[in-house]
PDB file of N, CA and C in Angstrom:
ATOM      1  N   UNK A   1      82.162 129.593 138.027  1.00  0.00           N
ATOM      2  CA  UNK A   1      80.849 129.964 138.478  1.00  0.00           C
ATOM      3  C   UNK A   1      80.443 129.014 139.604  1.00  0.00           C
ATOM      4  N   UNK A   2      79.776 129.552 140.607  1.00  0.00           N
ATOM      5  CA  UNK A   2      79.352 128.768 141.748  1.00  0.00           C
ATOM      6  C   UNK A   2      78.030 129.311 142.269  1.00  0.00           C
ATOM      7  N   UNK A   3      77.401 128.520 143.106  1.00  0.00           N
ATOM      8  CA  UNK A   3      76.164 128.961 143.741  1.00  0.00           C
ATOM      9  C   UNK A   3      75.998 128.332 145.097  1.00  0.00           C
ATOM     10  N   UNK A   4      75.374 129.105 145.989  1.00  0.00           N
ATOM     11  CA  UNK A   4      75.035 128.619 147.320  1.00  0.00           C
ATOM     12  C   UNK A   4      73.633 129.125 147.618  1.00  0.00           C
ATOM     13  N   UNK A   5      72.756 128.225 148.025  1.00  0.00           N
ATOM     14  CA  UNK A   5      71.384 128.620 148.337  1.00  0.00           C
ATOM     15  C   UNK A   5      71.033 128.076 149.710  1.00  0.00           C
ATOM     16  N   UNK A   6      70.539 128.952 150.579  1.00  0.00           N
ATOM     17  CA  UNK A   6      70.133 128.578 151.931  1.00  0.00           C
ATOM     18  C   UNK A   6      68.613 128.668 152.014  1.00  0.00           C
ATOM     19  N   UNK A   7      67.987 127.575 152.461  1.00  0.00           N
ATOM     20  CA  UNK A   7      66.526 127.537 152.606  1.00  0.00           C
ATOM     21  C   UNK A   7      66.183 126.943 153.963  1.00  0.00           C
ATOM     22  N   UNK A   8      65.383 127.656 154.735  1.00  0.00           N
ATOM     23  CA  UNK A   8      64.917 127.141 156.016  1.00  0.00           C
ATOM     24  C   UNK A   8      63.455 126.782 155.925  1.00  0.00           C
ATOM     25  N   UNK A   9      63.069 125.650 156.545  1.00  0.00           N
ATOM     26  CA  UNK A   9      61.666 125.249 156.508  1.00  0.00           C
ATOM     27  C   UNK A   9      61.072 125.115 157.911  1.00  0.00           C
ATOM     28  N   UNK A  10      61.749 125.616 158.896  1.00  0.00           N
ATOM     29  CA  UNK A  10      61.254 125.539 160.264  1.00  0.00           C
ATOM     30  C   UNK A  10      61.931 124.457 161.072  1.00  0.00           C
ATOM     31  N   UNK A  11      61.959 123.220 160.551  1.00  0.00           N
ATOM     32  CA  UNK A  11      62.566 122.128 161.304  1.00  0.00           C
ATOM     33  C   UNK A  11      64.056 121.960 161.013  1.00  0.00           C
ATOM     34  N   UNK A  12      64.474 122.318 159.806  1.00  0.00           N
ATOM     35  CA  UNK A  12      65.890 122.254 159.459  1.00  0.00           C
ATOM     36  C   UNK A  12      66.183 123.252 158.360  1.00  0.00           C
ATOM     37  N   UNK A  13      67.451 123.547 158.191  1.00  0.00           N
ATOM     38  CA  UNK A  13      67.905 124.441 157.138  1.00  0.00           C
ATOM     39  C   UNK A  13      68.688 123.618 156.128  1.00  0.00           C
ATOM     40  N   UNK A  14      68.419 123.860 154.855  1.00  0.00           N
ATOM     41  CA  UNK A  14      69.139 123.172 153.783  1.00  0.00           C
ATOM     42  C   UNK A  14      70.015 124.166 153.035  1.00  0.00           C
ATOM     43  N   UNK A  15      71.218 123.713 152.730  1.00  0.00           N
ATOM     44  CA  UNK A  15      72.151 124.511 151.951  1.00  0.00           C
ATOM     45  C   UNK A  15      72.509 123.708 150.709  1.00  0.00           C
ATOM     46  N   UNK A  16      72.236 124.270 149.555  1.00  0.00           N
ATOM     47  CA  UNK A  16      72.620 123.651 148.295  1.00  0.00           C
ATOM     48  C   UNK A  16      73.852 124.349 147.751  1.00  0.00           C
ATOM     49  N   UNK A  17      74.803 123.573 147.300  1.00  0.00           N
ATOM     50  CA  UNK A  17      76.038 124.129 146.733  1.00  0.00           C
ATOM     51  C   UNK A  17      76.264 123.502 145.367  1.00  0.00           C
ATOM     52  N   UNK A  18      76.688 124.316 144.399  1.00  0.00           N
ATOM     53  CA  UNK A  18      76.985 123.792 143.075  1.00  0.00           C
ATOM     54  C   UNK A  18      78.049 124.651 142.411  1.00  0.00           C
ATOM     55  N   UNK A  19      78.771 124.022 141.512  1.00  0.00           N
ATOM     56  CA  UNK A  19      79.786 124.734 140.739  1.00  0.00           C
ATOM     57  C   UNK A  19      81.176 124.590 141.327  1.00  0.00           C
ATOM     58  N   UNK A  20      81.999 125.618 141.066  1.00  0.00           N
ATOM     59  CA  UNK A  20      83.415 125.607 141.432  1.00  0.00           C
ATOM     60  C   UNK A  20      83.678 126.542 142.607  1.00  0.00           C
ATOM     61  N   UNK A  21      84.279 125.996 143.665  1.00  0.00           N
ATOM     62  CA  UNK A  21      84.580 126.773 144.860  1.00  0.00           C
ATOM     63  C   UNK A  21      86.088 126.928 145.007  1.00  0.00           C
ATOM     64  N   UNK A  22      86.508 128.191 145.086  1.00  0.00           N
ATOM     65  CA  UNK A  22      87.920 128.516 145.214  1.00  0.00           C
ATOM     66  C   UNK A  22      88.062 129.712 146.151  1.00  0.00           C
ATOM     67  N   UNK A  23      89.230 130.347 146.165  1.00  0.00           N
ATOM     68  CA  UNK A  23      89.469 131.476 147.067  1.00  0.00           C
ATOM     69  C   UNK A  23      88.483 132.619 146.827  1.00  0.00           C
ATOM     70  N   UNK A  24      88.044 132.801 145.599  1.00  0.00           N
ATOM     71  CA  UNK A  24      87.080 133.854 145.272  1.00  0.00           C
ATOM     72  C   UNK A  24      85.725 133.602 145.935  1.00  0.00           C
ATOM     73  N   UNK A  25      85.291 132.360 145.970  1.00  0.00           N
ATOM     74  CA  UNK A  25      83.972 132.021 146.506  1.00  0.00           C
ATOM     75  C   UNK A  25      83.982 131.730 148.009  1.00  0.00           C
ATOM     76  N   UNK A  26      85.160 131.617 148.615  1.00  0.00           N
ATOM     77  CA  UNK A  26      85.251 131.262 150.026  1.00  0.00           C
ATOM     78  C   UNK A  26      84.486 132.216 150.950  1.00  0.00           C
ATOM     79  N   UNK A  27      84.558 133.528 150.770  1.00  0.00           N
ATOM     80  CA  UNK A  27      83.765 134.414 151.641  1.00  0.00           C
ATOM     81  C   UNK A  27      82.265 134.145 151.549  1.00  0.00           C
ATOM     82  N   UNK A  28      81.745 133.877 150.368  1.00  0.00           N
ATOM     83  CA  UNK A  28      80.318 133.587 150.200  1.00  0.00           C
ATOM     84  C   UNK A  28      79.965 132.248 150.845  1.00  0.00           C
ATOM     85  N   UNK A  29      80.843 131.263 150.728  1.00  0.00           N
ATOM     86  CA  UNK A  29      80.631 129.973 151.365  1.00  0.00           C
ATOM     87  C   UNK A  29      80.539 130.144 152.880  1.00  0.00           C
ATOM     88  N   UNK A  30      81.488 130.873 153.466  1.00  0.00           N
ATOM     89  CA  UNK A  30      81.465 131.114 154.913  1.00  0.00           C
ATOM     90  C   UNK A  30      80.199 131.851 155.336  1.00  0.00           C
ATOM     91  N   UNK A  31      79.822 132.855 154.575  1.00  0.00           N
ATOM     92  CA  UNK A  31      78.622 133.636 154.880  1.00  0.00           C
ATOM     93  C   UNK A  31      77.372 132.748 154.855  1.00  0.00           C
ATOM     94  N   UNK A  32      77.256 131.902 153.848  1.00  0.00           N
ATOM     95  CA  UNK A  32      76.086 131.034 153.734  1.00  0.00           C
ATOM     96  C   UNK A  32      76.024 130.036 154.886  1.00  0.00           C
ATOM     97  N   UNK A  33      77.156 129.449 155.251  1.00  0.00           N
ATOM     98  CA  UNK A  33      77.166 128.496 156.353  1.00  0.00           C
ATOM     99  C   UNK A  33      76.885 129.185 157.686  1.00  0.00           C
ATOM    100  N   UNK A  34      77.398 130.401 157.859  1.00  0.00           N
ATOM    101  CA  UNK A  34      77.091 131.181 159.067  1.00  0.00           C
ATOM    102  C   UNK A  34      75.608 131.506 159.132  1.00  0.00           C
ATOM    103  N   UNK A  35      75.038 131.946 158.006  1.00  0.00           N
ATOM    104  CA  UNK A  35      73.603 132.265 157.954  1.00  0.00           C
ATOM    105  C   UNK A  35      72.761 131.037 158.287  1.00  0.00           C
ATOM    106  N   UNK A  36      73.124 129.905 157.710  1.00  0.00           N
ATOM    107  CA  UNK A  36      72.364 128.677 157.947  1.00  0.00           C
ATOM    108  C   UNK A  36      72.452 128.262 159.411  1.00  0.00           C
ATOM    109  N   UNK A  37      73.616 128.382 160.003  1.00  0.00           N
ATOM    110  CA  UNK A  37      73.800 127.998 161.400  1.00  0.00           C
ATOM    111  C   UNK A  37      73.071 128.927 162.354  1.00  0.00           C
ATOM    112  N   UNK A  38      72.847 130.159 161.933  1.00  0.00           N
ATOM    113  CA  UNK A  38      72.175 131.146 162.787  1.00  0.00           C
ATOM    114  C   UNK A  38      70.718 130.783 163.061  1.00  0.00           C
ATOM    115  N   UNK A  39      70.118 129.918 162.242  1.00  0.00           N
ATOM    116  CA  UNK A  39      68.738 129.501 162.461  1.00  0.00           C
ATOM    117  C   UNK A  39      68.598 128.667 163.732  1.00  0.00           C
ATOM    118  N   UNK A  40      69.701 128.064 164.178  1.00  0.00           N
ATOM    119  CA  UNK A  40      69.699 127.336 165.434  1.00  0.00           C
ATOM    120  C   UNK A  40      69.355 125.865 165.355  1.00  0.00           C
ATOM    121  N   UNK A  41      68.784 125.398 164.283  1.00  0.00           N
ATOM    122  CA  UNK A  41      68.425 123.989 164.146  1.00  0.00           C
ATOM    123  C   UNK A  41      69.440 123.237 163.310  1.00  0.00           C
ATOM    124  N   UNK A  42      69.095 122.011 162.949  1.00  0.00           N
ATOM    125  CA  UNK A  42      69.984 121.223 162.105  1.00  0.00           C
ATOM    126  C   UNK A  42      70.172 121.867 160.728  1.00  0.00           C
ATOM    127  N   UNK A  43      71.374 121.713 160.188  1.00  0.00           N
ATOM    128  CA  UNK A  43      71.708 122.236 158.861  1.00  0.00           C
ATOM    129  C   UNK A  43      72.198 121.072 158.005  1.00  0.00           C
ATOM    130  N   UNK A  44      71.554 120.873 156.858  1.00  0.00           N
ATOM    131  CA  UNK A  44      71.939 119.828 155.919  1.00  0.00           C
ATOM    132  C   UNK A  44      72.537 120.501 154.693  1.00  0.00           C
ATOM    133  N   UNK A  45      73.783 120.155 154.373  1.00  0.00           N
ATOM    134  CA  UNK A  45      74.492 120.750 153.244  1.00  0.00           C
ATOM    135  C   UNK A  45      74.659 119.693 152.161  1.00  0.00           C
ATOM    136  N   UNK A  46      74.058 119.938 151.001  1.00  0.00           N
ATOM    137  CA  UNK A  46      74.143 119.015 149.865  1.00  0.00           C
ATOM    138  C   UNK A  46      75.363 119.382 149.028  1.00  0.00           C
ATOM    139  N   UNK A  47      76.312 118.454 148.946  1.00  0.00           N
ATOM    140  CA  UNK A  47      77.573 118.687 148.228  1.00  0.00           C
ATOM    141  C   UNK A  47      77.600 118.019 146.854  1.00  0.00           C
ATOM    142  N   UNK A  48      76.474 117.503 146.395  1.00  0.00           N
ATOM    143  CA  UNK A  48      76.455 116.718 145.160  1.00  0.00           C
ATOM    144  C   UNK A  48      76.706 117.541 143.899  1.00  0.00           C
ATOM    145  N   UNK A  49      76.447 118.842 143.932  1.00  0.00           N
ATOM    146  CA  UNK A  49      76.591 119.669 142.737  1.00  0.00           C
ATOM    147  C   UNK A  49      77.936 120.352 142.583  1.00  0.00           C
ATOM    148  N   UNK A  50      78.883 120.038 143.454  1.00  0.00           N
ATOM    149  CA  UNK A  50      80.189 120.699 143.395  1.00  0.00           C
ATOM    150  C   UNK A  50      81.061 120.037 142.342  1.00  0.00           C
ATOM    151  N   UNK A  51      81.555 120.849 141.395  1.00  0.00           N
ATOM    152  CA  UNK A  51      82.424 120.335 140.338  1.00  0.00           C
ATOM    153  C   UNK A  51      83.901 120.584 140.610  1.00  0.00           C
ATOM    154  N   UNK A  52      84.206 121.519 141.516  1.00  0.00           N
ATOM    155  CA  UNK A  52      85.590 121.789 141.924  1.00  0.00           C
ATOM    156  C   UNK A  52      85.554 122.371 143.321  1.00  0.00           C
ATOM    157  N   UNK A  53      86.451 121.895 144.182  1.00  0.00           N
ATOM    158  CA  UNK A  53      86.541 122.387 145.551  1.00  0.00           C
ATOM    159  C   UNK A  53      88.019 122.531 145.887  1.00  0.00           C
ATOM    160  N   UNK A  54      88.489 123.790 146.003  1.00  0.00           N
ATOM    161  CA  UNK A  54      89.902 123.980 146.323  1.00  0.00           C
ATOM    162  C   UNK A  54      90.168 123.584 147.769  1.00  0.00           C
ATOM    163  N   UNK A  55      91.447 123.540 148.153  1.00  0.00           N
ATOM    164  CA  UNK A  55      91.797 123.042 149.469  1.00  0.00           C
ATOM    165  C   UNK A  55      91.345 123.971 150.598  1.00  0.00           C
ATOM    166  N   UNK A  56      91.310 125.289 150.368  1.00  0.00           N
ATOM    167  CA  UNK A  56      90.811 126.208 151.406  1.00  0.00           C
ATOM    168  C   UNK A  56      89.332 125.953 151.687  1.00  0.00           C
ATOM    169  N   UNK A  57      88.547 125.779 150.653  1.00  0.00           N
ATOM    170  CA  UNK A  57      87.119 125.513 150.816  1.00  0.00           C
ATOM    171  C   UNK A  57      86.898 124.144 151.450  1.00  0.00           C
ATOM    172  N   UNK A  58      87.713 123.168 151.065  1.00  0.00           N
ATOM    173  CA  UNK A  58      87.635 121.838 151.656  1.00  0.00           C
ATOM    174  C   UNK A  58      87.913 121.910 153.151  1.00  0.00           C
ATOM    175  N   UNK A  59      88.978 122.627 153.511  1.00  0.00           N
ATOM    176  CA  UNK A  59      89.334 122.795 154.918  1.00  0.00           C
ATOM    177  C   UNK A  59      88.184 123.445 155.689  1.00  0.00           C
ATOM    178  N   UNK A  60      87.559 124.451 155.102  1.00  0.00           N
ATOM    179  CA  UNK A  60      86.435 125.132 155.742  1.00  0.00           C
ATOM    180  C   UNK A  60      85.306 124.138 156.049  1.00  0.00           C
ATOM    181  N   UNK A  61      84.973 123.299 155.089  1.00  0.00           N
ATOM    182  CA  UNK A  61      83.897 122.325 155.287  1.00  0.00           C
ATOM    183  C   UNK A  61      84.262 121.280 156.339  1.00  0.00           C
ATOM    184  N   UNK A  62      85.484 120.753 156.271  1.00  0.00           N
ATOM    185  CA  UNK A  62      85.896 119.715 157.214  1.00  0.00           C
ATOM    186  C   UNK A  62      85.948 120.262 158.637  1.00  0.00           C
ATOM    187  N   UNK A  63      86.526 121.436 158.817  1.00  0.00           N
ATOM    188  CA  UNK A  63      86.615 122.017 160.157  1.00  0.00           C
ATOM    189  C   UNK A  63      85.222 122.290 160.720  1.00  0.00           C
ATOM    190  N   UNK A  64      84.340 122.835 159.906  1.00  0.00           N
ATOM    191  CA  UNK A  64      82.967 123.086 160.382  1.00  0.00           C
ATOM    192  C   UNK A  64      82.258 121.785 160.730  1.00  0.00           C
ATOM    193  N   UNK A  65      82.507 120.729 159.970  1.00  0.00           N
ATOM    194  CA  UNK A  65      81.865 119.453 160.289  1.00  0.00           C
ATOM    195  C   UNK A  65      82.337 118.922 161.631  1.00  0.00           C
ATOM    196  N   UNK A  66      83.561 119.221 162.001  1.00  0.00           N
ATOM    197  CA  UNK A  66      84.091 118.777 163.286  1.00  0.00           C
ATOM    198  C   UNK A  66      83.613 119.658 164.441  1.00  0.00           C
ATOM    199  N   UNK A  67      83.563 120.968 164.213  1.00  0.00           N
ATOM    200  CA  UNK A  67      83.163 121.906 165.261  1.00  0.00           C
ATOM    201  C   UNK A  67      81.659 121.846 165.519  1.00  0.00           C
ATOM    202  N   UNK A  68      80.882 121.732 164.468  1.00  0.00           N
ATOM    203  CA  UNK A  68      79.422 121.748 164.576  1.00  0.00           C
ATOM    204  C   UNK A  68      78.842 120.344 164.403  1.00  0.00           C
ATOM    205  N   UNK A  69      79.418 119.394 165.079  1.00  0.00           N
ATOM    206  CA  UNK A  69      79.070 117.986 164.942  1.00  0.00           C
ATOM    207  C   UNK A  69      77.579 117.707 165.029  1.00  0.00           C
ATOM    208  N   UNK A  70      76.894 118.323 165.973  1.00  0.00           N
ATOM    209  CA  UNK A  70      75.487 117.996 166.200  1.00  0.00           C
ATOM    210  C   UNK A  70      74.524 118.875 165.423  1.00  0.00           C
ATOM    211  N   UNK A  71      75.046 119.859 164.713  1.00  0.00           N
ATOM    212  CA  UNK A  71      74.163 120.758 163.973  1.00  0.00           C
ATOM    213  C   UNK A  71      74.314 120.613 162.468  1.00  0.00           C
ATOM    214  N   UNK A  72      75.521 120.379 161.996  1.00  0.00           N
ATOM    215  CA  UNK A  72      75.835 120.446 160.579  1.00  0.00           C
ATOM    216  C   UNK A  72      76.055 119.045 160.008  1.00  0.00           C
ATOM    217  N   UNK A  73      75.328 118.730 158.925  1.00  0.00           N
ATOM    218  CA  UNK A  73      75.456 117.435 158.260  1.00  0.00           C
ATOM    219  C   UNK A  73      75.758 117.678 156.790  1.00  0.00           C
ATOM    220  N   UNK A  74      76.818 117.051 156.295  1.00  0.00           N
ATOM    221  CA  UNK A  74      77.162 117.132 154.879  1.00  0.00           C
ATOM    222  C   UNK A  74      76.709 115.847 154.210  1.00  0.00           C
ATOM    223  N   UNK A  75      75.994 116.002 153.098  1.00  0.00           N
ATOM    224  CA  UNK A  75      75.453 114.835 152.396  1.00  0.00           C
ATOM    225  C   UNK A  75      75.866 114.814 150.938  1.00  0.00           C
ATOM    226  N   UNK A  76      75.950 113.609 150.419  1.00  0.00           N
ATOM    227  CA  UNK A  76      76.139 113.337 148.992  1.00  0.00           C
ATOM    228  C   UNK A  76      77.299 114.095 148.362  1.00  0.00           C
ATOM    229  N   UNK A  77      78.505 113.984 148.932  1.00  0.00           N
ATOM    230  CA  UNK A  77      79.636 114.680 148.320  1.00  0.00           C
ATOM    231  C   UNK A  77      79.927 114.147 146.922  1.00  0.00           C
ATOM    232  N   UNK A  78      80.169 115.065 146.012  1.00  0.00           N
ATOM    233  CA  UNK A  78      80.517 114.672 144.645  1.00  0.00           C
ATOM    234  C   UNK A  78      81.903 114.023 144.650  1.00  0.00           C
ATOM    235  N   UNK A  79      82.262 113.312 143.592  1.00  0.00           N
ATOM    236  CA  UNK A  79      83.608 112.743 143.505  1.00  0.00           C
ATOM    237  C   UNK A  79      84.700 113.806 143.645  1.00  0.00           C
ATOM    238  N   UNK A  80      84.420 115.022 143.173  1.00  0.00           N
ATOM    239  CA  UNK A  80      85.408 116.098 143.286  1.00  0.00           C
ATOM    240  C   UNK A  80      85.601 116.530 144.737  1.00  0.00           C
ATOM    241  N   UNK A  81      84.539 116.525 145.514  1.00  0.00           N
ATOM    242  CA  UNK A  81      84.645 116.837 146.939  1.00  0.00           C
ATOM    243  C   UNK A  81      85.466 115.762 147.637  1.00  0.00           C
ATOM    244  N   UNK A  82      85.176 114.514 147.355  1.00  0.00           N
ATOM    245  CA  UNK A  82      85.924 113.413 147.967  1.00  0.00           C
ATOM    246  C   UNK A  82      87.406 113.476 147.613  1.00  0.00           C
ATOM    247  N   UNK A  83      87.712 113.803 146.366  1.00  0.00           N
ATOM    248  CA  UNK A  83      89.105 113.923 145.937  1.00  0.00           C
ATOM    249  C   UNK A  83      89.805 115.056 146.682  1.00  0.00           C
ATOM    250  N   UNK A  84      89.120 116.166 146.889  1.00  0.00           N
ATOM    251  CA  UNK A  84      89.717 117.297 147.609  1.00  0.00           C
ATOM    252  C   UNK A  84      89.961 116.939 149.070  1.00  0.00           C
ATOM    253  N   UNK A  85      89.034 116.221 149.690  1.00  0.00           N
ATOM    254  CA  UNK A  85      89.211 115.802 151.083  1.00  0.00           C
ATOM    255  C   UNK A  85      90.416 114.872 151.197  1.00  0.00           C
ATOM    256  N   UNK A  86      90.551 113.960 150.262  1.00  0.00           N
ATOM    257  CA  UNK A  86      91.690 113.054 150.279  1.00  0.00           C
ATOM    258  C   UNK A  86      93.000 113.794 150.016  1.00  0.00           C
ATOM    259  N   UNK A  87      92.989 114.752 149.080  1.00  0.00           N
ATOM    260  CA  UNK A  87      94.190 115.524 148.775  1.00  0.00           C
ATOM    261  C   UNK A  87      94.642 116.358 149.978  1.00  0.00           C
ATOM    262  N   UNK A  88      93.701 116.822 150.763  1.00  0.00           N
ATOM    263  CA  UNK A  88      94.006 117.611 151.954  1.00  0.00           C
ATOM    264  C   UNK A  88      94.524 116.721 153.086  1.00  0.00           C
ATOM    265  N   UNK A  89      94.346 115.419 152.963  1.00  0.00           N
ATOM    266  CA  UNK A  89      94.765 114.494 154.003  1.00  0.00           C
ATOM    267  C   UNK A  89      93.804 114.458 155.174  1.00  0.00           C
ATOM    268  N   UNK A  90      92.543 114.814 154.929  1.00  0.00           N
ATOM    269  CA  UNK A  90      91.546 114.895 155.999  1.00  0.00           C
ATOM    270  C   UNK A  90      90.512 113.770 155.916  1.00  0.00           C
ATOM    271  N   UNK A  91      90.822 112.711 155.194  1.00  0.00           N
ATOM    272  CA  UNK A  91      89.869 111.630 155.010  1.00  0.00           C
ATOM    273  C   UNK A  91      89.375 111.073 156.343  1.00  0.00           C
ATOM    274  N   UNK A  92      90.265 110.929 157.316  1.00  0.00           N
ATOM    275  CA  UNK A  92      89.886 110.355 158.603  1.00  0.00           C
ATOM    276  C   UNK A  92      89.090 111.320 159.462  1.00  0.00           C
ATOM    277  N   UNK A  93      89.210 112.621 159.206  1.00  0.00           N
ATOM    278  CA  UNK A  93      88.495 113.619 160.009  1.00  0.00           C
ATOM    279  C   UNK A  93      87.170 114.032 159.378  1.00  0.00           C
ATOM    280  N   UNK A  94      87.031 113.832 158.075  1.00  0.00           N
ATOM    281  CA  UNK A  94      85.850 114.314 157.366  1.00  0.00           C
ATOM    282  C   UNK A  94      84.606 113.550 157.790  1.00  0.00           C
ATOM    283  N   UNK A  95      83.511 114.283 157.878  1.00  0.00           N
ATOM    284  CA  UNK A  95      82.212 113.698 158.231  1.00  0.00           C
ATOM    285  C   UNK A  95      81.227 114.040 157.126  1.00  0.00           C
ATOM    286  N   UNK A  96      80.926 113.056 156.302  1.00  0.00           N
ATOM    287  CA  UNK A  96      79.967 113.262 155.215  1.00  0.00           C
ATOM    288  C   UNK A  96      79.247 111.940 154.984  1.00  0.00           C
ATOM    289  N   UNK A  97      77.990 112.040 154.572  1.00  0.00           N
ATOM    290  CA  UNK A  97      77.163 110.853 154.394  1.00  0.00           C
ATOM    291  C   UNK A  97      76.516 110.841 153.026  1.00  0.00           C
ATOM    292  N   UNK A  98      76.286 109.631 152.528  1.00  0.00           N
ATOM    293  CA  UNK A  98      75.442 109.432 151.356  1.00  0.00           C
ATOM    294  C   UNK A  98      74.049 109.118 151.857  1.00  0.00           C
ATOM    295  N   UNK A  99      73.068 109.471 151.090  1.00  0.00           N
ATOM    296  CA  UNK A  99      71.706 109.103 151.434  1.00  0.00           C
ATOM    297  C   UNK A  99      71.026 110.065 152.383  1.00  0.00           C
ATOM    298  N   UNK A 100      69.809 109.726 152.771  1.00  0.00           N
ATOM    299  CA  UNK A 100      68.963 110.641 153.528  1.00  0.00           C
ATOM    300  C   UNK A 100      69.261 110.738 155.016  1.00  0.00           C
ATOM    301  N   UNK A 101      70.039 109.806 155.571  1.00  0.00           N
ATOM    302  CA  UNK A 101      70.332 109.900 157.001  1.00  0.00           C
ATOM    303  C   UNK A 101      71.813 109.667 157.241  1.00  0.00           C
ATOM    304  N   UNK A 102      72.196 109.542 158.493  1.00  0.00           N
ATOM    305  CA  UNK A 102      73.600 109.381 158.842  1.00  0.00           C
ATOM    306  C   UNK A 102      74.032 107.921 158.850  1.00  0.00           C
ATOM    307  N   UNK A 103      73.286 107.060 158.202  1.00  0.00           N
ATOM    308  CA  UNK A 103      73.578 105.638 158.244  1.00  0.00           C
ATOM    309  C   UNK A 103      74.780 105.202 157.437  1.00  0.00           C
ATOM    310  N   UNK A 104      75.131 105.886 156.397  1.00  0.00           N
ATOM    311  CA  UNK A 104      76.205 105.450 155.510  1.00  0.00           C
ATOM    312  C   UNK A 104      77.290 106.513 155.435  1.00  0.00           C
ATOM    313  N   UNK A 105      78.260 106.387 156.315  1.00  0.00           N
ATOM    314  CA  UNK A 105      79.371 107.340 156.353  1.00  0.00           C
ATOM    315  C   UNK A 105      80.276 107.080 155.165  1.00  0.00           C
ATOM    316  N   UNK A 106      80.676 108.135 154.482  1.00  0.00           N
ATOM    317  CA  UNK A 106      81.452 108.013 153.244  1.00  0.00           C
ATOM    318  C   UNK A 106      82.743 107.241 153.445  1.00  0.00           C
ATOM    319  N   UNK A 107      83.466 107.505 154.524  1.00  0.00           N
ATOM    320  CA  UNK A 107      84.787 106.921 154.698  1.00  0.00           C
ATOM    321  C   UNK A 107      84.793 105.753 155.691  1.00  0.00           C
ATOM    322  N   UNK A 108      83.632 105.186 156.021  1.00  0.00           N
ATOM    323  CA  UNK A 108      83.559 104.149 157.043  1.00  0.00           C
ATOM    324  C   UNK A 108      84.292 102.859 156.639  1.00  0.00           C
ATOM    325  N   UNK A 109      84.375 102.598 155.346  1.00  0.00           N
ATOM    326  CA  UNK A 109      85.022 101.365 154.902  1.00  0.00           C
ATOM    327  C   UNK A 109      86.534 101.469 154.881  1.00  0.00           C
ATOM    328  N   UNK A 110      87.071 102.663 155.019  1.00  0.00           N
ATOM    329  CA  UNK A 110      88.526 102.838 154.941  1.00  0.00           C
ATOM    330  C   UNK A 110      89.173 102.560 156.275  1.00  0.00           C
TER     331      UNK A 110
END
């Protein structure tokens, strides 16, 4: 079971994700991220509620973080998200932050 919720408040769009993401949920994940990006402003994606993230979904998030550098921000990745990023070998390319701003990059100490 998984969930994706997109909420826009005028100044930014927030995307909440929770549950297990696999090949079945990948189309919904892409649709939600496309919808959020269509608003034109900054998009903040909260990854704290993800309990499983397969490698296809991980790749989707990492590639979007690289392509949409100035629009898309991933925050508070769960340990399962971090494990999937490391398993994919994308630790050096991944862009995700803890906390309310971009001050604490997850992989900055590595």
